[in-house]
Amino acid sequence: MNTQMKDDVIAHKYRVASIEKTTPPEGMPDGDWYHYIVEYGKSTIDCIRAGSLKDVTQHAQDFVENLNTRTAKGYSSYAARKPKK
């Protein structure tokens, strides 16, 4: 892989863009809910999760790490894992 391609891959990693406290989704119990945004280039993934700020932050970071690992291995981050042959 040439240097330009490596730079492009690094520049387009998934990352947690923001985490903010929010209201619970309709029909869900009250409590601490957080809305977080994951970015990948110009694309975004909007997520919502209940828990403490610490727990939601850890979950979001784990989610991003998983997406980046799957992308680095050549798996699509939008589809299930490739079937075994």
N, C-alpha and C. Protein backbone atom coordinates (compact mmCIF):
# COMPACT_ATOMS: atom_id res chain seq x y z
N MET A 1 0.86 -1.18 0.00
CA MET A 1 0.00 0.00 0.00
C MET A 1 0.89 1.23 0.00
N ASN A 2 0.63 2.16 -0.90
CA ASN A 2 1.48 3.35 -0.96
C ASN A 2 1.12 4.32 0.16
N THR A 3 1.97 5.33 0.35
CA THR A 3 1.79 6.29 1.45
C THR A 3 0.48 7.04 1.34
N GLN A 4 0.10 7.45 0.13
CA GLN A 4 -1.15 8.20 -0.05
C GLN A 4 -2.34 7.35 0.36
N MET A 5 -2.35 6.08 -0.01
CA MET A 5 -3.47 5.20 0.37
C MET A 5 -3.52 5.03 1.87
N LYS A 6 -2.38 4.88 2.53
CA LYS A 6 -2.35 4.75 4.00
C LYS A 6 -2.91 6.00 4.65
N ASP A 7 -2.51 7.19 4.15
CA ASP A 7 -3.01 8.44 4.69
C ASP A 7 -4.52 8.55 4.52
N ASP A 8 -5.04 8.10 3.37
CA ASP A 8 -6.48 8.13 3.13
C ASP A 8 -7.21 7.22 4.10
N VAL A 9 -6.66 6.05 4.36
CA VAL A 9 -7.29 5.10 5.29
C VAL A 9 -7.32 5.70 6.69
N ILE A 10 -6.20 6.27 7.14
CA ILE A 10 -6.14 6.87 8.47
C ILE A 10 -7.10 8.05 8.57
N ALA A 11 -7.20 8.86 7.53
CA ALA A 11 -8.07 10.04 7.54
C ALA A 11 -9.54 9.65 7.57
N HIS A 12 -9.88 8.45 7.13
CA HIS A 12 -11.27 8.05 7.06
C HIS A 12 -11.63 6.99 8.09
N LYS A 13 -10.99 7.00 9.22
CA LYS A 13 -11.35 6.08 10.28
C LYS A 13 -12.65 6.54 10.95
N TYR A 14 -13.38 5.55 11.45
CA TYR A 14 -14.55 5.89 12.25
C TYR A 14 -14.07 6.55 13.53
N ARG A 15 -14.86 7.50 14.03
CA ARG A 15 -14.52 8.17 15.29
C ARG A 15 -15.80 8.63 15.98
N VAL A 16 -15.74 8.72 17.30
CA VAL A 16 -16.86 9.26 18.06
C VAL A 16 -16.78 10.77 17.94
N ALA A 17 -17.80 11.38 17.33
CA ALA A 17 -17.80 12.83 17.10
C ALA A 17 -18.37 13.59 18.30
N SER A 18 -19.41 13.02 18.94
CA SER A 18 -20.01 13.70 20.08
C SER A 18 -20.85 12.74 20.90
N ILE A 19 -21.02 13.08 22.17
CA ILE A 19 -21.91 12.35 23.08
C ILE A 19 -22.64 13.41 23.90
N GLU A 20 -23.97 13.38 23.87
CA GLU A 20 -24.77 14.37 24.59
C GLU A 20 -25.93 13.68 25.30
N LYS A 21 -26.26 14.19 26.47
CA LYS A 21 -27.42 13.68 27.20
C LYS A 21 -28.67 14.00 26.40
N THR A 22 -29.64 13.08 26.42
CA THR A 22 -30.87 13.27 25.66
C THR A 22 -32.05 12.69 26.43
N THR A 23 -33.24 12.88 25.91
CA THR A 23 -34.44 12.31 26.52
C THR A 23 -34.60 10.86 26.05
N PRO A 24 -35.28 10.05 26.83
CA PRO A 24 -35.48 8.65 26.42
C PRO A 24 -36.34 8.57 25.16
N PRO A 25 -36.10 7.57 24.33
CA PRO A 25 -36.97 7.37 23.18
C PRO A 25 -38.39 7.06 23.65
N GLU A 26 -39.36 7.34 22.82
CA GLU A 26 -40.75 7.11 23.17
C GLU A 26 -40.97 5.65 23.55
N GLY A 27 -41.65 5.45 24.68
CA GLY A 27 -41.96 4.11 25.14
C GLY A 27 -40.86 3.46 25.97
N MET A 28 -39.73 4.14 26.14
CA MET A 28 -38.63 3.58 26.92
C MET A 28 -38.63 4.17 28.33
N PRO A 29 -38.09 3.45 29.29
CA PRO A 29 -38.11 3.95 30.67
C PRO A 29 -37.24 5.19 30.84
N ASP A 30 -37.62 6.00 31.84
CA ASP A 30 -36.81 7.17 32.17
C ASP A 30 -35.44 6.71 32.66
N GLY A 31 -34.53 7.63 32.68
CA GLY A 31 -33.18 7.33 33.13
C GLY A 31 -32.18 8.19 32.38
N ASP A 32 -30.94 7.83 32.48
CA ASP A 32 -29.89 8.55 31.78
C ASP A 32 -29.74 7.97 30.37
N TRP A 33 -30.03 8.78 29.38
CA TRP A 33 -29.91 8.40 27.98
C TRP A 33 -28.95 9.36 27.29
N TYR A 34 -28.16 8.81 26.38
CA TYR A 34 -27.19 9.62 25.66
C TYR A 34 -27.30 9.36 24.17
N HIS A 35 -27.16 10.42 23.41
CA HIS A 35 -27.13 10.37 21.94
C HIS A 35 -25.67 10.57 21.56
N TYR A 36 -25.14 9.62 20.78
CA TYR A 36 -23.77 9.80 20.30
C TYR A 36 -23.73 9.65 18.79
N ILE A 37 -22.77 10.33 18.21
CA ILE A 37 -22.61 10.33 16.76
C ILE A 37 -21.24 9.76 16.42
N VAL A 38 -21.24 8.81 15.50
CA VAL A 38 -20.01 8.23 14.97
C VAL A 38 -19.86 8.76 13.55
N GLU A 39 -18.68 9.26 13.23
CA GLU A 39 -18.42 9.80 11.90
C GLU A 39 -17.41 8.95 11.17
N TYR A 40 -17.57 8.91 9.86
CA TYR A 40 -16.63 8.26 8.95
C TYR A 40 -16.61 9.10 7.69
N GLY A 41 -15.60 9.94 7.56
CA GLY A 41 -15.60 10.87 6.43
C GLY A 41 -16.81 11.78 6.54
N LYS A 42 -17.64 11.79 5.48
CA LYS A 42 -18.85 12.62 5.48
C LYS A 42 -20.07 11.87 5.98
N SER A 43 -19.92 10.59 6.29
CA SER A 43 -21.04 9.78 6.77
C SER A 43 -21.13 9.84 8.29
N THR A 44 -22.36 9.72 8.79
CA THR A 44 -22.56 9.68 10.24
C THR A 44 -23.49 8.54 10.62
N ILE A 45 -23.30 8.05 11.83
CA ILE A 45 -24.18 7.05 12.42
C ILE A 45 -24.70 7.66 13.72
N ASP A 46 -26.03 7.83 13.82
CA ASP A 46 -26.65 8.37 15.03
C ASP A 46 -27.07 7.21 15.93
N CYS A 47 -26.66 7.27 17.18
CA CYS A 47 -26.95 6.19 18.12
C CYS A 47 -27.52 6.77 19.41
N ILE A 48 -28.28 5.97 20.11
CA ILE A 48 -28.81 6.37 21.41
C ILE A 48 -28.69 5.17 22.33
N ARG A 49 -28.31 5.45 23.58
CA ARG A 49 -28.09 4.35 24.52
C ARG A 49 -28.33 4.84 25.95
N ALA A 50 -28.85 3.95 26.76
CA ALA A 50 -29.07 4.25 28.17
C ALA A 50 -27.83 3.85 28.96
N GLY A 51 -27.60 4.55 30.06
CA GLY A 51 -26.49 4.21 30.94
C GLY A 51 -25.81 5.47 31.44
N SER A 52 -24.76 5.26 32.19
CA SER A 52 -23.99 6.40 32.67
C SER A 52 -23.16 6.95 31.52
N LEU A 53 -22.72 8.18 31.66
CA LEU A 53 -21.87 8.78 30.63
C LEU A 53 -20.62 7.93 30.42
N LYS A 54 -20.05 7.44 31.49
CA LYS A 54 -18.84 6.61 31.40
C LYS A 54 -19.13 5.34 30.60
N ASP A 55 -20.25 4.66 30.91
CA ASP A 55 -20.59 3.41 30.22
C ASP A 55 -20.89 3.64 28.73
N VAL A 56 -21.63 4.69 28.43
CA VAL A 56 -21.98 4.99 27.04
C VAL A 56 -20.73 5.39 26.26
N THR A 57 -19.85 6.16 26.88
CA THR A 57 -18.60 6.54 26.23
C THR A 57 -17.77 5.30 25.91
N GLN A 58 -17.66 4.37 26.86
CA GLN A 58 -16.91 3.14 26.62
C GLN A 58 -17.55 2.31 25.50
N HIS A 59 -18.88 2.22 25.52
CA HIS A 59 -19.59 1.49 24.47
C HIS A 59 -19.31 2.11 23.10
N ALA A 60 -19.40 3.42 23.01
CA ALA A 60 -19.17 4.11 21.73
C ALA A 60 -17.75 3.89 21.24
N GLN A 61 -16.78 3.94 22.14
CA GLN A 61 -15.38 3.72 21.75
C GLN A 61 -15.16 2.27 21.30
N ASP A 62 -15.78 1.31 21.99
CA ASP A 62 -15.68 -0.09 21.59
C ASP A 62 -16.32 -0.31 20.21
N PHE A 63 -17.47 0.34 19.98
CA PHE A 63 -18.18 0.24 18.71
C PHE A 63 -17.30 0.75 17.57
N VAL A 64 -16.68 1.92 17.77
CA VAL A 64 -15.80 2.51 16.77
C VAL A 64 -14.59 1.62 16.53
N GLU A 65 -14.01 1.09 17.59
CA GLU A 65 -12.84 0.21 17.44
C GLU A 65 -13.21 -1.03 16.61
N ASN A 66 -14.39 -1.58 16.87
CA ASN A 66 -14.85 -2.74 16.11
C ASN A 66 -15.04 -2.40 14.64
N LEU A 67 -15.65 -1.27 14.35
CA LEU A 67 -15.84 -0.85 12.97
C LEU A 67 -14.51 -0.64 12.26
N ASN A 68 -13.57 0.01 12.94
CA ASN A 68 -12.26 0.25 12.33
C ASN A 68 -11.50 -1.05 12.10
N THR A 69 -11.61 -2.00 13.01
CA THR A 69 -10.95 -3.30 12.86
C THR A 69 -11.54 -4.04 11.67
N ARG A 70 -12.86 -4.07 11.58
CA ARG A 70 -13.50 -4.77 10.46
C ARG A 70 -13.16 -4.12 9.13
N THR A 71 -13.11 -2.81 9.09
CA THR A 71 -12.78 -2.10 7.86
C THR A 71 -11.33 -2.38 7.46
N ALA A 72 -10.42 -2.38 8.44
CA ALA A 72 -9.00 -2.62 8.16
C ALA A 72 -8.78 -4.03 7.61
N LYS A 73 -9.61 -4.98 8.02
CA LYS A 73 -9.48 -6.36 7.55
C LYS A 73 -10.18 -6.59 6.23
N GLY A 74 -10.83 -5.56 5.70
CA GLY A 74 -11.49 -5.68 4.41
C GLY A 74 -12.94 -6.09 4.48
N TYR A 75 -13.51 -6.18 5.68
CA TYR A 75 -14.92 -6.49 5.82
C TYR A 75 -15.73 -5.22 5.63
N SER A 76 -16.92 -5.37 5.13
CA SER A 76 -17.83 -4.24 5.05
C SER A 76 -18.34 -3.94 6.44
N SER A 77 -18.36 -2.67 6.81
CA SER A 77 -18.91 -2.31 8.12
C SER A 77 -20.42 -2.25 8.08
N TYR A 78 -21.02 -2.43 6.90
CA TYR A 78 -22.47 -2.35 6.76
C TYR A 78 -23.12 -3.72 6.63
N ALA A 79 -22.33 -4.77 6.59
CA ALA A 79 -22.88 -6.11 6.37
C ALA A 79 -22.33 -7.08 7.42
N ALA A 80 -22.99 -8.20 7.50
CA ALA A 80 -22.53 -9.25 8.41
C ALA A 80 -21.17 -9.75 7.95
N ARG A 81 -20.49 -10.45 8.84
CA ARG A 81 -19.18 -11.00 8.48
C ARG A 81 -19.28 -11.90 7.26
N LYS A 82 -18.19 -12.00 6.53
CA LYS A 82 -18.16 -12.85 5.34
C LYS A 82 -18.34 -14.31 5.76
N PRO A 83 -19.09 -15.06 4.97
CA PRO A 83 -19.27 -16.47 5.29
C PRO A 83 -17.97 -17.24 5.11
N LYS A 84 -17.79 -18.26 5.95
CA LYS A 84 -16.62 -19.12 5.84
C LYS A 84 -16.79 -20.04 4.66
N LYS A 85 -15.69 -20.33 3.99
CA LYS A 85 -15.73 -21.23 2.83
C LYS A 85 -15.27 -22.61 3.20
